Amino acid sequence: MSRRSKPSRFWPLVAVVVLLFLVNLPMGHFWWTNHRLDADGEVATATVRHAKALGTRHYVDFQLPAEVDPDRTTYSAEVTEAAYDRATRTDTIEVTYLPGKPATNRAVGYRPPGRVGLLLTLLADLAILGMLFLMFWARRHDVLEIVATKDVERCKPDDTIEDLPDGQVLVRGDVQEIEDDHLLMLSGGRKVRVVLAGFDNPVGHQQPAQAQGRRVPRR
């Protein structure tokens, strides 16, 4: 049974864009939230429900006023030592919030994610881009070689690599290079070297062609 393959030229880019989006989503959400709070936020005095210090890190649990948050949800935030001292002394803490969206808030003295989070995000971005580079490098250097079993023919523009019975391969793509004894085609982003083995090639450079031949095993 024949197998037709039409490699997409764009799926690696789509995959990379999705991965970059997912990796950068937490940091992007953090920056966007802070931008919205800076632009549209209002300040309220929240009630401190609980506060604790773990070594050099300080945490405060608080509730916004009922007119701001009717559900009286308890929120938590890591704050600076100075903000922690004021909160434990007064049992209150100033909080910037978005009207109608009290869950989007930022306590005074809030400690944002450190450089570790940013560094990990950058390293992940570099790893993804490196993966994309390797994929394109592999595709550029991965050459399918076939020995022609019939003349090369002109055809309509197409990108097809189809396995046929008895180890035969049918290739449709654009002619990239022409030599006396072989030609190089590009099909779906993959290079195909067609050894003419005495058969004719009437197709010119950068024109769509169809070639059929026997697959040469990789060395």
N, C-alpha and C. Protein backbone atom coordinates (compact mmCIF):
# COMPACT_ATOMS: atom_id res chain seq x y z
N MET A 1 0.86 -1.20 0.00
CA MET A 1 0.00 0.00 0.00
C MET A 1 0.88 1.24 0.00
N SER A 2 0.59 2.17 -0.86
CA SER A 2 1.42 3.37 -0.96
C SER A 2 1.16 4.31 0.20
N ARG A 3 2.17 5.08 0.51
CA ARG A 3 2.04 6.06 1.58
C ARG A 3 2.44 7.41 1.03
N ARG A 4 1.53 8.34 1.13
CA ARG A 4 1.79 9.69 0.61
C ARG A 4 2.18 10.60 1.76
N SER A 5 3.22 11.34 1.56
CA SER A 5 3.72 12.23 2.62
C SER A 5 3.83 13.63 2.07
N LYS A 6 3.20 14.56 2.74
CA LYS A 6 3.29 15.97 2.38
C LYS A 6 3.77 16.74 3.60
N PRO A 7 5.08 16.79 3.84
CA PRO A 7 5.57 17.46 5.03
C PRO A 7 5.20 18.93 5.01
N SER A 8 4.70 19.40 6.08
CA SER A 8 4.34 20.82 6.17
C SER A 8 5.58 21.65 6.45
N ARG A 9 5.68 22.78 5.81
CA ARG A 9 6.81 23.67 6.05
C ARG A 9 6.58 24.53 7.28
N PHE A 10 5.35 24.54 7.76
CA PHE A 10 5.03 25.51 8.80
C PHE A 10 4.80 24.90 10.17
N TRP A 11 4.60 23.57 10.27
CA TRP A 11 4.25 23.01 11.57
C TRP A 11 5.34 23.22 12.61
N PRO A 12 6.66 23.19 12.26
CA PRO A 12 7.64 23.49 13.30
C PRO A 12 7.48 24.89 13.87
N LEU A 13 7.17 25.86 13.01
CA LEU A 13 6.96 27.22 13.48
C LEU A 13 5.73 27.31 14.38
N VAL A 14 4.66 26.61 13.98
CA VAL A 14 3.45 26.62 14.81
C VAL A 14 3.73 26.01 16.17
N ALA A 15 4.44 24.88 16.19
CA ALA A 15 4.76 24.23 17.46
C ALA A 15 5.62 25.13 18.34
N VAL A 16 6.59 25.81 17.75
CA VAL A 16 7.46 26.69 18.52
C VAL A 16 6.69 27.88 19.08
N VAL A 17 5.81 28.46 18.27
CA VAL A 17 5.01 29.59 18.74
C VAL A 17 4.14 29.18 19.93
N VAL A 18 3.52 27.99 19.84
CA VAL A 18 2.68 27.50 20.95
C VAL A 18 3.51 27.28 22.19
N LEU A 19 4.69 26.65 22.05
CA LEU A 19 5.54 26.40 23.21
C LEU A 19 6.03 27.70 23.83
N LEU A 20 6.43 28.65 23.00
CA LEU A 20 6.89 29.93 23.53
C LEU A 20 5.76 30.65 24.26
N PHE A 21 4.54 30.55 23.72
CA PHE A 21 3.39 31.17 24.38
C PHE A 21 3.16 30.56 25.76
N LEU A 22 3.20 29.22 25.84
CA LEU A 22 2.94 28.55 27.11
C LEU A 22 4.04 28.84 28.13
N VAL A 23 5.29 28.84 27.67
CA VAL A 23 6.41 29.08 28.58
C VAL A 23 6.39 30.50 29.13
N ASN A 24 6.04 31.46 28.27
CA ASN A 24 6.08 32.86 28.69
C ASN A 24 4.76 33.36 29.27
N LEU A 25 3.74 32.49 29.28
CA LEU A 25 2.42 32.91 29.77
C LEU A 25 2.45 33.40 31.22
N PRO A 26 3.07 32.65 32.16
CA PRO A 26 3.06 33.13 33.56
C PRO A 26 3.73 34.49 33.72
N MET A 27 4.91 34.67 33.10
CA MET A 27 5.61 35.94 33.23
C MET A 27 4.85 37.05 32.51
N GLY A 28 4.28 36.72 31.35
CA GLY A 28 3.50 37.72 30.63
C GLY A 28 2.26 38.12 31.40
N HIS A 29 1.60 37.15 32.03
CA HIS A 29 0.42 37.46 32.84
C HIS A 29 0.79 38.36 34.01
N PHE A 30 1.93 38.09 34.63
CA PHE A 30 2.39 38.91 35.75
C PHE A 30 2.60 40.36 35.31
N TRP A 31 3.30 40.55 34.22
CA TRP A 31 3.58 41.91 33.73
C TRP A 31 2.29 42.63 33.32
N TRP A 32 1.39 41.90 32.63
CA TRP A 32 0.14 42.50 32.18
C TRP A 32 -0.74 42.89 33.36
N THR A 33 -0.80 42.03 34.37
CA THR A 33 -1.59 42.33 35.56
C THR A 33 -1.07 43.58 36.25
N ASN A 34 0.24 43.69 36.40
CA ASN A 34 0.81 44.87 37.03
C ASN A 34 0.53 46.13 36.22
N HIS A 35 0.57 46.01 34.91
CA HIS A 35 0.26 47.16 34.05
C HIS A 35 -1.18 47.62 34.28
N ARG A 36 -2.11 46.67 34.34
CA ARG A 36 -3.51 47.02 34.55
C ARG A 36 -3.72 47.64 35.93
N LEU A 37 -3.06 47.09 36.93
CA LEU A 37 -3.20 47.66 38.28
C LEU A 37 -2.62 49.07 38.34
N ASP A 38 -1.50 49.29 37.65
CA ASP A 38 -0.91 50.63 37.63
C ASP A 38 -1.82 51.62 36.91
N ALA A 39 -2.49 51.15 35.84
CA ALA A 39 -3.30 52.06 35.03
C ALA A 39 -4.70 52.27 35.60
N ASP A 40 -5.34 51.21 36.10
CA ASP A 40 -6.75 51.30 36.47
C ASP A 40 -7.04 50.89 37.91
N GLY A 41 -6.02 50.55 38.66
CA GLY A 41 -6.24 50.04 40.00
C GLY A 41 -6.69 51.11 41.00
N GLU A 42 -7.43 50.66 42.01
CA GLU A 42 -7.81 51.50 43.13
C GLU A 42 -7.26 50.88 44.41
N VAL A 43 -7.12 51.72 45.44
CA VAL A 43 -6.49 51.27 46.68
C VAL A 43 -7.55 51.12 47.77
N ALA A 44 -7.45 50.00 48.50
CA ALA A 44 -8.34 49.76 49.63
C ALA A 44 -7.51 49.26 50.81
N THR A 45 -8.05 49.45 52.00
CA THR A 45 -7.39 48.95 53.21
C THR A 45 -7.98 47.58 53.54
N ALA A 46 -7.14 46.55 53.45
CA ALA A 46 -7.57 45.18 53.71
C ALA A 46 -7.27 44.80 55.15
N THR A 47 -8.04 43.83 55.64
CA THR A 47 -7.85 43.33 57.00
C THR A 47 -6.92 42.13 56.97
N VAL A 48 -5.89 42.17 57.81
CA VAL A 48 -4.95 41.06 57.90
C VAL A 48 -5.55 39.94 58.72
N ARG A 49 -5.64 38.75 58.16
CA ARG A 49 -6.20 37.60 58.85
C ARG A 49 -5.12 36.72 59.44
N HIS A 50 -3.98 36.68 58.79
CA HIS A 50 -2.90 35.83 59.30
C HIS A 50 -1.58 36.33 58.69
N ALA A 51 -0.54 36.22 59.46
CA ALA A 51 0.79 36.61 58.98
C ALA A 51 1.81 35.63 59.53
N LYS A 52 2.77 35.29 58.71
CA LYS A 52 3.81 34.36 59.16
C LYS A 52 5.12 34.68 58.45
N ALA A 53 6.19 34.40 59.15
CA ALA A 53 7.53 34.61 58.61
C ALA A 53 8.24 33.26 58.56
N LEU A 54 8.81 32.96 57.40
CA LEU A 54 9.58 31.73 57.22
C LEU A 54 10.99 32.12 56.81
N GLY A 55 11.85 32.21 57.81
CA GLY A 55 13.20 32.67 57.53
C GLY A 55 13.18 34.12 57.09
N THR A 56 13.68 34.38 55.91
CA THR A 56 13.72 35.75 55.39
C THR A 56 12.50 36.08 54.53
N ARG A 57 11.53 35.17 54.47
CA ARG A 57 10.35 35.39 53.64
C ARG A 57 9.15 35.65 54.55
N HIS A 58 8.32 36.61 54.12
CA HIS A 58 7.20 37.06 54.95
C HIS A 58 5.90 37.01 54.15
N TYR A 59 4.88 36.40 54.77
CA TYR A 59 3.62 36.19 54.08
C TYR A 59 2.47 36.79 54.90
N VAL A 60 1.50 37.35 54.16
CA VAL A 60 0.34 37.96 54.79
C VAL A 60 -0.92 37.45 54.10
N ASP A 61 -1.90 36.99 54.90
CA ASP A 61 -3.23 36.65 54.38
C ASP A 61 -4.17 37.80 54.72
N PHE A 62 -4.96 38.23 53.74
CA PHE A 62 -5.80 39.40 53.97
C PHE A 62 -7.14 39.26 53.27
N GLN A 63 -8.11 40.07 53.73
CA GLN A 63 -9.43 40.16 53.11
C GLN A 63 -9.72 41.61 52.76
N LEU A 64 -10.23 41.82 51.56
CA LEU A 64 -10.63 43.16 51.15
C LEU A 64 -11.97 43.52 51.79
N PRO A 65 -12.30 44.80 51.87
CA PRO A 65 -13.59 45.21 52.43
C PRO A 65 -14.76 44.61 51.67
N ALA A 66 -15.88 44.44 52.33
CA ALA A 66 -17.06 43.81 51.72
C ALA A 66 -17.55 44.57 50.50
N GLU A 67 -17.43 45.91 50.51
CA GLU A 67 -17.90 46.68 49.35
C GLU A 67 -17.00 46.48 48.13
N VAL A 68 -15.79 46.03 48.36
CA VAL A 68 -14.86 45.74 47.26
C VAL A 68 -14.99 44.28 46.82
N ASP A 69 -15.06 43.38 47.80
CA ASP A 69 -15.15 41.94 47.53
C ASP A 69 -16.27 41.35 48.37
N PRO A 70 -17.50 41.27 47.85
CA PRO A 70 -18.63 40.74 48.62
C PRO A 70 -18.41 39.32 49.11
N ASP A 71 -17.58 38.54 48.42
CA ASP A 71 -17.34 37.16 48.83
C ASP A 71 -16.36 37.06 50.00
N ARG A 72 -15.68 38.16 50.29
CA ARG A 72 -14.69 38.19 51.38
C ARG A 72 -13.69 37.05 51.26
N THR A 73 -13.15 36.91 50.08
CA THR A 73 -12.13 35.88 49.83
C THR A 73 -10.84 36.25 50.54
N THR A 74 -10.17 35.24 51.07
CA THR A 74 -8.87 35.47 51.70
C THR A 74 -7.77 35.29 50.66
N TYR A 75 -6.96 36.33 50.50
CA TYR A 75 -5.85 36.29 49.56
C TYR A 75 -4.53 36.24 50.32
N SER A 76 -3.50 35.75 49.67
CA SER A 76 -2.18 35.66 50.28
C SER A 76 -1.16 36.36 49.40
N ALA A 77 -0.16 36.93 50.03
CA ALA A 77 0.89 37.60 49.28
C ALA A 77 2.19 37.56 50.07
N GLU A 78 3.30 37.43 49.35
CA GLU A 78 4.61 37.57 49.98
C GLU A 78 5.00 39.03 49.91
N VAL A 79 5.38 39.61 51.04
CA VAL A 79 5.68 41.04 51.11
C VAL A 79 7.06 41.25 51.71
N THR A 80 7.51 42.47 51.63
CA THR A 80 8.80 42.81 52.22
C THR A 80 8.71 42.78 53.74
N GLU A 81 9.86 42.78 54.38
CA GLU A 81 9.88 42.75 55.84
C GLU A 81 9.24 44.00 56.43
N ALA A 82 9.47 45.15 55.80
CA ALA A 82 8.89 46.39 56.30
C ALA A 82 7.37 46.35 56.19
N ALA A 83 6.85 45.87 55.04
CA ALA A 83 5.40 45.77 54.89
C ALA A 83 4.81 44.75 55.86
N TYR A 84 5.53 43.69 56.10
CA TYR A 84 5.09 42.66 57.06
C TYR A 84 5.00 43.25 58.46
N ASP A 85 6.01 44.02 58.87
CA ASP A 85 6.01 44.63 60.20
C ASP A 85 4.82 45.58 60.37
N ARG A 86 4.52 46.39 59.34
CA ARG A 86 3.39 47.31 59.43
C ARG A 86 2.08 46.53 59.50
N ALA A 87 1.98 45.45 58.71
CA ALA A 87 0.74 44.67 58.69
C ALA A 87 0.49 44.00 60.03
N THR A 88 1.51 43.44 60.63
CA THR A 88 1.32 42.78 61.93
C THR A 88 1.09 43.79 63.05
N ARG A 89 1.59 45.00 62.87
CA ARG A 89 1.40 46.02 63.91
C ARG A 89 0.01 46.63 63.87
N THR A 90 -0.52 46.81 62.64
CA THR A 90 -1.81 47.50 62.50
C THR A 90 -2.96 46.56 62.13
N ASP A 91 -2.65 45.31 61.80
CA ASP A 91 -3.65 44.34 61.34
C ASP A 91 -4.35 44.80 60.06
N THR A 92 -3.71 45.67 59.32
CA THR A 92 -4.25 46.12 58.03
C THR A 92 -3.11 46.21 57.03
N ILE A 93 -3.48 46.20 55.76
CA ILE A 93 -2.48 46.36 54.70
C ILE A 93 -3.17 47.01 53.50
N GLU A 94 -2.47 47.93 52.86
CA GLU A 94 -3.01 48.61 51.68
C GLU A 94 -2.89 47.69 50.46
N VAL A 95 -3.99 47.60 49.71
CA VAL A 95 -4.02 46.70 48.56
C VAL A 95 -4.58 47.44 47.36
N THR A 96 -3.87 47.35 46.23
CA THR A 96 -4.37 47.88 44.96
C THR A 96 -5.14 46.76 44.24
N TYR A 97 -6.35 47.08 43.76
CA TYR A 97 -7.20 46.07 43.13
C TYR A 97 -7.87 46.66 41.89
N LEU A 98 -8.37 45.77 41.03
CA LEU A 98 -9.15 46.22 39.88
C LEU A 98 -10.62 46.25 40.25
N PRO A 99 -11.31 47.36 40.06
CA PRO A 99 -12.74 47.43 40.37
C PRO A 99 -13.53 46.36 39.63
N GLY A 100 -14.33 45.64 40.37
CA GLY A 100 -15.11 44.56 39.78
C GLY A 100 -14.36 43.25 39.67
N LYS A 101 -13.03 43.29 39.88
CA LYS A 101 -12.21 42.08 39.83
C LYS A 101 -11.26 42.07 41.02
N PRO A 102 -11.80 41.87 42.21
CA PRO A 102 -10.96 41.96 43.41
C PRO A 102 -9.86 40.91 43.47
N ALA A 103 -10.05 39.80 42.75
CA ALA A 103 -9.01 38.78 42.75
C ALA A 103 -7.73 39.27 42.07
N THR A 104 -7.86 40.29 41.24
CA THR A 104 -6.68 40.90 40.63
C THR A 104 -6.23 42.02 41.56
N ASN A 105 -5.27 41.71 42.40
CA ASN A 105 -4.85 42.67 43.40
C ASN A 105 -3.35 42.58 43.65
N ARG A 106 -2.84 43.60 44.36
CA ARG A 106 -1.42 43.64 44.68
C ARG A 106 -1.25 44.36 46.01
N ALA A 107 -0.77 43.63 46.99
CA ALA A 107 -0.57 44.22 48.32
C ALA A 107 0.64 45.14 48.31
N VAL A 108 0.60 46.18 49.14
CA VAL A 108 1.74 47.07 49.25
C VAL A 108 2.94 46.27 49.77
N GLY A 109 4.09 46.52 49.18
CA GLY A 109 5.28 45.78 49.58
C GLY A 109 5.36 44.39 48.97
N TYR A 110 4.48 44.12 48.01
CA TYR A 110 4.46 42.79 47.38
C TYR A 110 5.81 42.49 46.75
N ARG A 111 6.30 41.27 46.99
CA ARG A 111 7.57 40.85 46.41
C ARG A 111 7.32 40.06 45.13
N PRO A 112 7.70 40.61 43.99
CA PRO A 112 7.46 39.92 42.71
C PRO A 112 8.38 38.71 42.57
N PRO A 113 8.09 37.85 41.59
CA PRO A 113 8.98 36.71 41.34
C PRO A 113 10.42 37.18 41.13
N GLY A 114 11.34 36.47 41.72
CA GLY A 114 12.74 36.87 41.64
C GLY A 114 13.34 36.60 40.27
N ARG A 115 14.65 36.78 40.20
CA ARG A 115 15.34 36.58 38.94
C ARG A 115 15.37 35.13 38.51
N VAL A 116 15.16 34.23 39.48
CA VAL A 116 15.19 32.80 39.13
C VAL A 116 14.09 32.47 38.12
N GLY A 117 12.87 32.98 38.37
CA GLY A 117 11.77 32.72 37.44
C GLY A 117 12.06 33.28 36.06
N LEU A 118 12.60 34.50 36.01
CA LEU A 118 12.93 35.11 34.72
C LEU A 118 14.03 34.33 34.03
N LEU A 119 15.03 33.90 34.81
CA LEU A 119 16.14 33.14 34.23
C LEU A 119 15.65 31.81 33.66
N LEU A 120 14.78 31.12 34.40
CA LEU A 120 14.25 29.84 33.92
C LEU A 120 13.44 30.04 32.64
N THR A 121 12.66 31.13 32.59
CA THR A 121 11.87 31.41 31.39
C THR A 121 12.78 31.66 30.18
N LEU A 122 13.84 32.44 30.40
CA LEU A 122 14.78 32.73 29.31
C LEU A 122 15.49 31.46 28.84
N LEU A 123 15.88 30.61 29.80
CA LEU A 123 16.54 29.35 29.43
C LEU A 123 15.59 28.46 28.64
N ALA A 124 14.31 28.43 29.04
CA ALA A 124 13.33 27.64 28.30
C ALA A 124 13.15 28.20 26.89
N ASP A 125 13.12 29.53 26.76
CA ASP A 125 12.99 30.15 25.44
C ASP A 125 14.18 29.76 24.55
N LEU A 126 15.38 29.83 25.13
CA LEU A 126 16.58 29.48 24.36
C LEU A 126 16.55 28.00 23.94
N ALA A 127 16.08 27.14 24.84
CA ALA A 127 16.00 25.71 24.51
C ALA A 127 15.03 25.47 23.36
N ILE A 128 13.89 26.15 23.39
CA ILE A 128 12.90 25.98 22.33
C ILE A 128 13.43 26.50 20.99
N LEU A 129 14.07 27.67 21.01
CA LEU A 129 14.64 28.22 19.78
C LEU A 129 15.77 27.34 19.26
N GLY A 130 16.55 26.76 20.20
CA GLY A 130 17.60 25.84 19.79
C GLY A 130 17.02 24.60 19.13
N MET A 131 15.91 24.11 19.67
CA MET A 131 15.23 22.96 19.08
C MET A 131 14.76 23.29 17.66
N LEU A 132 14.22 24.50 17.48
CA LEU A 132 13.78 24.92 16.15
C LEU A 132 14.96 24.96 15.17
N PHE A 133 16.08 25.49 15.64
CA PHE A 133 17.28 25.55 14.79
C PHE A 133 17.72 24.15 14.37
N LEU A 134 17.74 23.23 15.34
CA LEU A 134 18.15 21.86 15.02
C LEU A 134 17.19 21.19 14.04
N MET A 135 15.90 21.48 14.19
CA MET A 135 14.92 20.90 13.28
C MET A 135 15.16 21.37 11.85
N PHE A 136 15.40 22.69 11.69
CA PHE A 136 15.63 23.22 10.35
C PHE A 136 16.98 22.73 9.81
N TRP A 137 17.97 22.62 10.70
CA TRP A 137 19.27 22.12 10.26
C TRP A 137 19.15 20.69 9.78
N ALA A 138 18.39 19.87 10.52
CA ALA A 138 18.21 18.47 10.14
C ALA A 138 17.48 18.36 8.81
N ARG A 139 16.45 19.20 8.63
CA ARG A 139 15.69 19.14 7.38
C ARG A 139 16.56 19.59 6.20
N ARG A 140 17.43 20.58 6.45
CA ARG A 140 18.27 21.08 5.36
C ARG A 140 19.31 20.03 4.95
N HIS A 141 19.80 19.26 5.94
CA HIS A 141 20.85 18.30 5.65
C HIS A 141 20.32 16.88 5.45
N ASP A 142 19.04 16.67 5.62
CA ASP A 142 18.45 15.36 5.41
C ASP A 142 18.02 15.25 3.95
N VAL A 143 18.81 14.57 3.15
CA VAL A 143 18.56 14.47 1.72
C VAL A 143 18.12 13.05 1.38
N LEU A 144 16.95 12.94 0.76
CA LEU A 144 16.47 11.66 0.24
C LEU A 144 17.09 11.46 -1.14
N GLU A 145 17.68 10.31 -1.36
CA GLU A 145 18.32 10.03 -2.65
C GLU A 145 17.61 8.87 -3.33
N ILE A 146 17.27 9.08 -4.60
CA ILE A 146 16.66 8.01 -5.39
C ILE A 146 17.39 7.90 -6.73
N VAL A 147 17.38 6.68 -7.27
CA VAL A 147 17.94 6.44 -8.61
C VAL A 147 16.76 6.31 -9.57
N ALA A 148 16.71 7.19 -10.56
CA ALA A 148 15.55 7.25 -11.45
C ALA A 148 15.34 5.92 -12.17
N THR A 149 14.07 5.57 -12.33
CA THR A 149 13.69 4.38 -13.10
C THR A 149 12.85 4.77 -14.32
N LYS A 150 12.70 6.09 -14.51
CA LYS A 150 12.01 6.59 -15.69
C LYS A 150 12.38 8.06 -15.86
N ASP A 151 12.04 8.63 -17.01
CA ASP A 151 12.38 10.02 -17.27
C ASP A 151 11.66 10.94 -16.28
N VAL A 152 12.34 12.03 -15.96
CA VAL A 152 11.70 13.07 -15.16
C VAL A 152 10.67 13.77 -16.03
N GLU A 153 9.54 14.14 -15.42
CA GLU A 153 8.44 14.74 -16.18
C GLU A 153 8.04 16.08 -15.58
N ARG A 154 7.50 16.94 -16.44
CA ARG A 154 6.88 18.17 -15.95
C ARG A 154 5.56 17.81 -15.27
N CYS A 155 5.17 18.62 -14.29
CA CYS A 155 3.90 18.38 -13.61
C CYS A 155 3.38 19.70 -13.05
N LYS A 156 2.17 19.64 -12.54
CA LYS A 156 1.62 20.82 -11.88
C LYS A 156 2.34 21.05 -10.55
N PRO A 157 2.38 22.28 -10.07
CA PRO A 157 3.03 22.54 -8.78
C PRO A 157 2.45 21.65 -7.68
N ASP A 158 3.33 20.98 -6.97
CA ASP A 158 2.89 20.04 -5.93
C ASP A 158 4.08 19.75 -5.02
N ASP A 159 3.80 19.31 -3.81
CA ASP A 159 4.81 18.86 -2.86
C ASP A 159 4.39 17.49 -2.36
N THR A 160 4.95 16.44 -2.96
CA THR A 160 4.54 15.09 -2.62
C THR A 160 5.75 14.16 -2.62
N ILE A 161 5.83 13.34 -1.58
CA ILE A 161 6.77 12.22 -1.56
C ILE A 161 5.94 10.99 -1.25
N GLU A 162 5.84 10.09 -2.22
CA GLU A 162 4.94 8.95 -2.10
C GLU A 162 5.73 7.65 -2.29
N ASP A 163 5.63 6.77 -1.30
CA ASP A 163 6.26 5.46 -1.41
C ASP A 163 5.40 4.56 -2.28
N LEU A 164 6.05 3.91 -3.24
CA LEU A 164 5.38 2.98 -4.14
C LEU A 164 5.88 1.55 -3.87
N PRO A 165 5.23 0.57 -4.45
CA PRO A 165 5.71 -0.81 -4.25
C PRO A 165 7.13 -1.00 -4.77
N ASP A 166 7.77 -2.06 -4.27
CA ASP A 166 9.11 -2.48 -4.72
C ASP A 166 10.18 -1.42 -4.45
N GLY A 167 10.00 -0.65 -3.38
CA GLY A 167 11.02 0.33 -3.02
C GLY A 167 11.07 1.55 -3.89
N GLN A 168 10.06 1.74 -4.71
CA GLN A 168 10.00 2.91 -5.58
C GLN A 168 9.46 4.11 -4.81
N VAL A 169 9.88 5.29 -5.23
CA VAL A 169 9.43 6.53 -4.61
C VAL A 169 9.02 7.50 -5.71
N LEU A 170 7.86 8.12 -5.54
CA LEU A 170 7.39 9.15 -6.47
C LEU A 170 7.53 10.50 -5.78
N VAL A 171 8.22 11.42 -6.45
CA VAL A 171 8.49 12.74 -5.87
C VAL A 171 7.98 13.81 -6.81
N ARG A 172 7.22 14.75 -6.25
CA ARG A 172 6.83 15.95 -6.98
C ARG A 172 7.30 17.16 -6.19
N GLY A 173 7.95 18.08 -6.88
CA GLY A 173 8.45 19.27 -6.21
C GLY A 173 9.15 20.18 -7.21
N ASP A 174 9.82 21.19 -6.70
CA ASP A 174 10.51 22.15 -7.57
C ASP A 174 11.97 21.74 -7.76
N VAL A 175 12.47 21.93 -8.97
CA VAL A 175 13.86 21.64 -9.28
C VAL A 175 14.74 22.77 -8.73
N GLN A 176 15.69 22.41 -7.91
CA GLN A 176 16.57 23.41 -7.29
C GLN A 176 17.93 23.49 -7.99
N GLU A 177 18.48 22.34 -8.35
CA GLU A 177 19.79 22.29 -9.01
C GLU A 177 19.75 21.25 -10.12
N ILE A 178 20.49 21.52 -11.18
CA ILE A 178 20.55 20.58 -12.31
C ILE A 178 22.01 20.31 -12.64
N GLU A 179 22.39 19.04 -12.63
CA GLU A 179 23.73 18.61 -13.04
C GLU A 179 23.58 17.61 -14.17
N ASP A 180 24.73 17.21 -14.74
CA ASP A 180 24.68 16.28 -15.87
C ASP A 180 24.10 14.93 -15.47
N ASP A 181 24.44 14.45 -14.28
CA ASP A 181 24.03 13.11 -13.89
C ASP A 181 22.97 13.07 -12.80
N HIS A 182 22.58 14.22 -12.29
CA HIS A 182 21.56 14.23 -11.24
C HIS A 182 20.91 15.60 -11.14
N LEU A 183 19.82 15.66 -10.43
CA LEU A 183 19.19 16.95 -10.13
C LEU A 183 18.74 16.93 -8.67
N LEU A 184 18.57 18.11 -8.13
CA LEU A 184 18.14 18.26 -6.75
C LEU A 184 16.78 18.91 -6.73
N MET A 185 15.82 18.23 -6.07
CA MET A 185 14.46 18.74 -5.98
C MET A 185 14.15 19.11 -4.53
N LEU A 186 13.18 19.99 -4.35
CA LEU A 186 12.71 20.37 -3.02
C LEU A 186 11.22 20.05 -2.96
N SER A 187 10.86 19.16 -2.04
CA SER A 187 9.46 18.73 -1.91
C SER A 187 9.04 18.86 -0.45
N GLY A 188 8.13 19.79 -0.17
CA GLY A 188 7.66 19.98 1.20
C GLY A 188 8.75 20.35 2.15
N GLY A 189 9.75 21.08 1.69
CA GLY A 189 10.84 21.48 2.54
C GLY A 189 11.95 20.45 2.63
N ARG A 190 11.80 19.29 2.02
CA ARG A 190 12.82 18.25 2.06
C ARG A 190 13.53 18.16 0.72
N LYS A 191 14.87 18.01 0.78
CA LYS A 191 15.65 17.89 -0.44
C LYS A 191 15.64 16.44 -0.93
N VAL A 192 15.52 16.29 -2.23
CA VAL A 192 15.54 14.98 -2.86
C VAL A 192 16.55 15.00 -4.00
N ARG A 193 17.54 14.14 -3.90
CA ARG A 193 18.56 14.03 -4.95
C ARG A 193 18.15 12.90 -5.89
N VAL A 194 17.97 13.24 -7.16
CA VAL A 194 17.53 12.26 -8.15
C VAL A 194 18.71 11.95 -9.08
N VAL A 195 19.24 10.74 -8.94
CA VAL A 195 20.31 10.29 -9.85
C VAL A 195 19.66 9.82 -11.15
N LEU A 196 20.00 10.47 -12.25
CA LEU A 196 19.28 10.23 -13.51
C LEU A 196 19.56 8.84 -14.08
N ALA A 197 20.75 8.32 -13.87
CA ALA A 197 21.08 6.96 -14.33
C ALA A 197 20.72 6.76 -15.80
N GLY A 198 20.99 7.76 -16.62
CA GLY A 198 20.75 7.65 -18.05
C GLY A 198 19.40 8.13 -18.51
N PHE A 199 18.49 8.41 -17.59
CA PHE A 199 17.16 8.90 -18.00
C PHE A 199 17.22 10.42 -18.23
N ASP A 200 16.24 10.92 -18.96
CA ASP A 200 16.23 12.33 -19.36
C ASP A 200 15.54 13.21 -18.32
N ASN A 201 15.97 14.48 -18.32
CA ASN A 201 15.32 15.50 -17.49
C ASN A 201 15.02 16.71 -18.36
N PRO A 202 13.78 16.88 -18.81
CA PRO A 202 13.43 18.03 -19.64
C PRO A 202 13.00 19.26 -18.84
N VAL A 203 13.00 19.16 -17.52
CA VAL A 203 12.46 20.22 -16.66
C VAL A 203 13.57 21.19 -16.29
N GLY A 204 13.24 22.48 -16.35
CA GLY A 204 14.22 23.51 -16.06
C GLY A 204 14.31 23.86 -14.58
N HIS A 205 15.22 24.76 -14.30
CA HIS A 205 15.47 25.19 -12.92
C HIS A 205 14.26 25.92 -12.33
N GLN A 206 13.92 25.58 -11.08
CA GLN A 206 12.81 26.19 -10.34
C GLN A 206 11.45 25.93 -11.00
N GLN A 207 11.36 24.84 -11.72
CA GLN A 207 10.09 24.44 -12.31
C GLN A 207 9.60 23.16 -11.62
N PRO A 208 8.28 22.96 -11.54
CA PRO A 208 7.76 21.75 -10.90
C PRO A 208 8.03 20.51 -11.75
N ALA A 209 8.45 19.46 -11.06
CA ALA A 209 8.81 18.24 -11.77
C ALA A 209 8.33 17.03 -10.99
N GLN A 210 8.20 15.92 -11.72
CA GLN A 210 7.86 14.62 -11.12
C GLN A 210 8.96 13.63 -11.46
N ALA A 211 9.49 13.00 -10.42
CA ALA A 211 10.53 12.00 -10.61
C ALA A 211 10.13 10.72 -9.89
N GLN A 212 10.50 9.60 -10.51
CA GLN A 212 10.24 8.29 -9.90
C GLN A 212 11.51 7.48 -9.92
N GLY A 213 11.81 6.84 -8.81
CA GLY A 213 13.02 6.04 -8.76
C GLY A 213 13.05 5.14 -7.55
N ARG A 214 14.16 4.44 -7.44
CA ARG A 214 14.35 3.51 -6.34
C ARG A 214 15.13 4.21 -5.21
N ARG A 215 14.62 4.08 -4.01
CA ARG A 215 15.24 4.71 -2.85
C ARG A 215 16.64 4.14 -2.62
N VAL A 216 17.61 5.03 -2.41
CA VAL A 216 18.97 4.61 -2.08
C VAL A 216 19.09 4.54 -0.56
N PRO A 217 19.47 3.37 -0.02
CA PRO A 217 19.59 3.25 1.45
C PRO A 217 20.62 4.24 1.99
N ARG A 218 20.37 4.71 3.19
CA ARG A 218 21.32 5.63 3.82
C ARG A 218 22.60 4.91 4.14
N ARG A 219 23.68 5.62 3.95
CA ARG A 219 25.00 5.04 4.24
C ARG A 219 25.30 5.18 5.73
